[in-house]
Amino acid sequence: MSFRHALLALLREGPKYGLQLRQEFEARTGEVWPLNVGQVYTTLQRLERDGLVEPIEDGDGEAGTQKSFRITVEGSGELAAWLRTPPDLSLPPRDELVVKVLVSLRLPDVDVHEVIQVHRHYLVELMQQWTHLKEDDDGADLGFALAVDAELFRLDSVVRWLDSADGRIKRAAVGPLPEAPAGMPKLRRRVGVR
């Protein structure tokens, strides 16, 4: 997730200071991703360094007044480009659960089906918790509703992958698994992804 671009989007609405940006980010995202205010100020410093935001003076320059920031023309251009550019999904992310399943396949003292079922059970419990949050929501917070839906869809896809992997492993379990080849071909060539 590009947190810096989310800050640019918030600043596109008008000047804001760090704590205000943190609060608005959390409110807009359904309070699903809490932020540390230090992370906000560090990101603002980088955005300022890159010419995408600029500080403005609030008040009469007294000590203790908040330093606000506003988006620059370059920042608006960066935000517009980010909003219209699809993320690079050509390679799968390094997923810890996928790695666990792949590694456990070749461990003689580990039952890969048990590993899968432990994780599947955990994910189904998480889905139930998210579903309860959705049911308890009155629908007033659209950001929260969309974030919950996204998480439910994500968790569902992981559970479906685990089910598929478990079935594939069971069907392949005619005998011991062959040794893994020394070098796997590049994924891009293998699946034809550009």
Protein backbone atom coordinates (compact mmCIF):
# COMPACT_ATOMS: atom_id res chain seq x y z
CA MET A 1 0.00 0.00 0.00
CA SER A 2 1.29 3.45 -0.84
CA PHE A 3 0.80 5.41 2.34
CA ARG A 4 2.53 8.43 0.82
CA HIS A 5 -0.08 8.59 -1.92
CA ALA A 6 -2.88 8.30 0.62
CA LEU A 7 -1.43 11.37 2.37
CA LEU A 8 -1.28 13.20 -0.95
CA ALA A 9 -4.96 12.39 -1.49
CA LEU A 10 -5.86 13.81 1.92
CA LEU A 11 -3.80 16.94 1.26
CA ARG A 12 -5.52 17.37 -2.11
CA GLU A 13 -8.60 18.38 -0.08
CA GLY A 14 -6.68 21.18 1.62
CA PRO A 15 -3.82 21.89 4.03
CA LYS A 16 -3.50 19.62 7.05
CA TYR A 17 -1.04 18.94 9.85
CA GLY A 18 0.39 15.53 10.79
CA LEU A 19 -1.97 14.48 13.57
CA GLN A 20 -4.94 15.55 11.48
CA LEU A 21 -3.65 13.45 8.56
CA ARG A 22 -3.29 10.42 10.81
CA GLN A 23 -6.82 10.83 12.15
CA GLU A 24 -8.33 11.34 8.72
CA PHE A 25 -6.42 8.40 7.21
CA GLU A 26 -7.69 6.10 9.96
CA ALA A 27 -11.24 7.43 9.65
CA ARG A 28 -11.27 7.10 5.84
CA THR A 29 -9.96 3.55 5.93
CA GLY A 30 -12.51 2.38 8.47
CA GLU A 31 -9.90 2.47 11.26
CA VAL A 32 -8.61 -0.87 9.98
CA TRP A 33 -4.98 0.28 9.57
CA PRO A 34 -3.84 2.28 12.60
CA LEU A 35 -0.91 4.63 12.07
CA ASN A 36 1.86 5.96 14.23
CA VAL A 37 1.98 9.76 14.01
CA GLY A 38 5.77 9.48 13.66
CA GLN A 39 5.24 7.55 10.42
CA VAL A 40 3.08 10.41 9.15
CA TYR A 41 5.72 13.05 9.89
CA THR A 42 8.52 10.94 8.40
CA THR A 43 6.47 10.48 5.24
CA LEU A 44 5.68 14.21 5.13
CA GLN A 45 9.41 14.99 5.33
CA ARG A 46 10.08 12.68 2.38
CA LEU A 47 7.21 14.18 0.40
CA GLU A 48 8.58 17.66 1.12
CA ARG A 49 12.08 16.56 0.10
CA ASP A 50 10.64 15.24 -3.18
CA GLY A 51 8.75 18.49 -3.85
CA LEU A 52 5.31 16.87 -3.58
CA VAL A 53 4.17 18.85 -0.51
CA GLU A 54 5.22 22.10 1.08
CA PRO A 55 4.87 23.42 4.61
CA ILE A 56 2.73 26.43 5.37
CA GLU A 57 2.74 28.54 8.48
CA ASP A 58 -0.28 28.34 10.75
CA GLY A 59 -1.15 31.11 13.14
CA ASP A 60 1.22 33.93 13.94
CA GLY A 61 4.39 31.86 14.24
CA GLU A 62 3.99 31.24 17.98
CA ALA A 63 5.80 28.32 19.54
CA GLY A 64 3.57 25.26 19.74
CA THR A 65 1.48 25.97 16.65
CA GLN A 66 0.96 23.10 14.23
CA LYS A 67 2.96 22.97 11.02
CA SER A 68 0.55 22.29 8.17
CA PHE A 69 1.33 20.99 4.72
CA ARG A 70 -0.28 21.41 1.34
CA ILE A 71 0.10 19.47 -1.86
CA THR A 72 2.15 21.02 -4.67
CA VAL A 73 1.39 20.94 -8.39
CA GLU A 74 3.96 18.12 -8.70
CA GLY A 75 2.23 16.30 -5.84
CA SER A 76 -1.14 16.59 -7.59
CA GLY A 77 0.41 15.14 -10.74
CA GLU A 78 1.99 12.28 -8.77
CA LEU A 79 -1.35 11.53 -7.10
CA ALA A 80 -3.24 11.55 -10.42
CA ALA A 81 -0.69 9.18 -11.97
CA TRP A 82 -0.82 6.82 -8.96
CA LEU A 83 -4.62 6.69 -8.97
CA ARG A 84 -4.69 5.69 -12.65
CA THR A 85 -1.74 3.26 -12.66
CA PRO A 86 -2.56 -0.37 -11.84
CA PRO A 87 -0.22 -1.92 -9.26
CA ASP A 88 2.35 -4.38 -10.58
CA LEU A 89 0.80 -7.76 -9.83
CA SER A 90 2.81 -9.66 -12.45
CA LEU A 91 4.71 -11.55 -9.75
CA PRO A 92 3.03 -13.06 -6.71
CA PRO A 93 3.94 -11.50 -3.37
CA ARG A 94 6.14 -13.49 -1.03
CA ASP A 95 3.43 -14.99 1.13
CA GLU A 96 4.47 -16.61 4.40
CA LEU A 97 1.63 -19.14 4.31
CA VAL A 98 2.52 -20.29 0.79
CA VAL A 99 6.16 -20.66 1.87
CA LYS A 100 5.10 -22.73 4.91
CA VAL A 101 3.10 -25.12 2.75
CA LEU A 102 5.85 -25.44 0.13
CA VAL A 103 8.55 -26.03 2.76
CA SER A 104 6.48 -28.50 4.76
CA LEU A 105 5.94 -30.64 1.64
CA ARG A 106 9.47 -32.03 1.88
CA LEU A 107 9.86 -32.33 5.64
CA PRO A 108 9.60 -36.02 6.55
CA ASP A 109 8.36 -35.45 10.10
CA VAL A 110 5.70 -32.85 9.19
CA ASP A 111 2.18 -33.64 8.04
CA VAL A 112 1.52 -30.97 5.41
CA HIS A 113 -2.22 -31.67 5.62
CA GLU A 114 -2.15 -30.83 9.33
CA VAL A 115 -0.24 -27.61 8.60
CA ILE A 116 -2.88 -26.68 6.04
CA GLN A 117 -5.79 -27.49 8.37
CA VAL A 118 -4.33 -25.50 11.29
CA HIS A 119 -4.02 -22.44 9.09
CA ARG A 120 -7.40 -23.02 7.45
CA HIS A 121 -9.09 -23.21 10.86
CA TYR A 122 -7.41 -19.95 11.93
CA LEU A 123 -8.47 -18.17 8.73
CA VAL A 124 -12.08 -19.33 9.06
CA GLU A 125 -12.13 -17.94 12.63
CA LEU A 126 -10.77 -14.63 11.32
CA MET A 127 -13.47 -14.57 8.66
CA GLN A 128 -16.11 -15.10 11.35
CA GLN A 129 -14.69 -12.18 13.37
CA TRP A 130 -14.75 -9.91 10.31
CA THR A 131 -18.27 -11.08 9.49
CA HIS A 132 -19.41 -10.16 13.02
CA LEU A 133 -17.88 -6.70 12.57
CA LYS A 134 -19.79 -6.37 9.31
CA GLU A 135 -23.04 -7.48 10.91
CA ASP A 136 -22.58 -5.06 13.83
CA ASP A 137 -21.89 -2.14 11.49
CA ASP A 138 -24.83 0.15 10.82
CA GLY A 139 -23.55 0.91 7.32
CA ALA A 140 -22.83 4.56 8.05
CA ASP A 141 -19.08 4.21 7.50
CA LEU A 142 -18.60 3.31 3.85
CA GLY A 143 -14.80 3.13 4.23
CA PHE A 144 -15.12 0.57 7.02
CA ALA A 145 -17.65 -1.49 5.06
CA LEU A 146 -15.41 -1.58 1.99
CA ALA A 147 -12.32 -2.47 4.07
CA VAL A 148 -14.21 -5.32 5.77
CA ASP A 149 -15.46 -6.62 2.41
CA ALA A 150 -11.92 -6.51 1.00
CA GLU A 151 -10.56 -8.44 3.98
CA LEU A 152 -13.32 -11.05 3.77
CA PHE A 153 -12.65 -11.58 0.07
CA ARG A 154 -8.89 -11.81 0.72
CA LEU A 155 -9.31 -14.35 3.53
CA ASP A 156 -11.78 -16.35 1.45
CA SER A 157 -9.29 -16.58 -1.41
CA VAL A 158 -6.58 -17.84 0.96
CA VAL A 159 -8.92 -20.51 2.38
CA ARG A 160 -9.85 -21.57 -1.16
CA TRP A 161 -6.15 -21.80 -2.07
CA LEU A 162 -5.49 -23.96 1.00
CA ASP A 163 -8.36 -26.26 0.03
CA SER A 164 -7.05 -26.49 -3.52
CA ALA A 165 -3.48 -27.11 -2.33
CA ASP A 166 -4.64 -29.81 0.09
CA GLY A 167 -6.54 -31.59 -2.68
CA ARG A 168 -3.65 -31.32 -5.14
CA ILE A 169 -1.19 -32.67 -2.56
CA LYS A 170 -3.51 -35.60 -1.75
CA ARG A 171 -3.87 -36.46 -5.44
CA ALA A 172 -0.09 -36.27 -5.93
CA ALA A 173 0.65 -38.48 -2.92
CA VAL A 174 1.12 -41.67 -4.92
CA GLY A 175 4.63 -42.02 -3.56
CA PRO A 176 7.41 -39.92 -2.17
CA LEU A 177 7.80 -36.53 -3.76
CA PRO A 178 10.69 -36.26 -6.22
CA GLU A 179 13.58 -33.99 -5.39
CA ALA A 180 13.00 -30.38 -6.32
CA PRO A 181 14.91 -29.33 -9.43
CA ALA A 182 18.06 -27.32 -8.76
CA GLY A 183 16.83 -24.25 -10.57
CA MET A 184 13.22 -23.46 -11.23
CA PRO A 185 12.51 -21.58 -14.46
CA LYS A 186 11.57 -17.97 -14.08
CA LEU A 187 7.88 -17.56 -13.27
CA ARG A 188 7.43 -14.94 -15.95
CA ARG A 189 8.56 -17.33 -18.69
CA ARG A 190 6.67 -20.25 -17.21
CA VAL A 191 3.25 -18.62 -16.97
CA GLY A 192 3.69 -16.22 -19.86
CA VAL A 193 3.36 -13.06 -17.79
CA ARG A 194 4.86 -10.00 -19.38
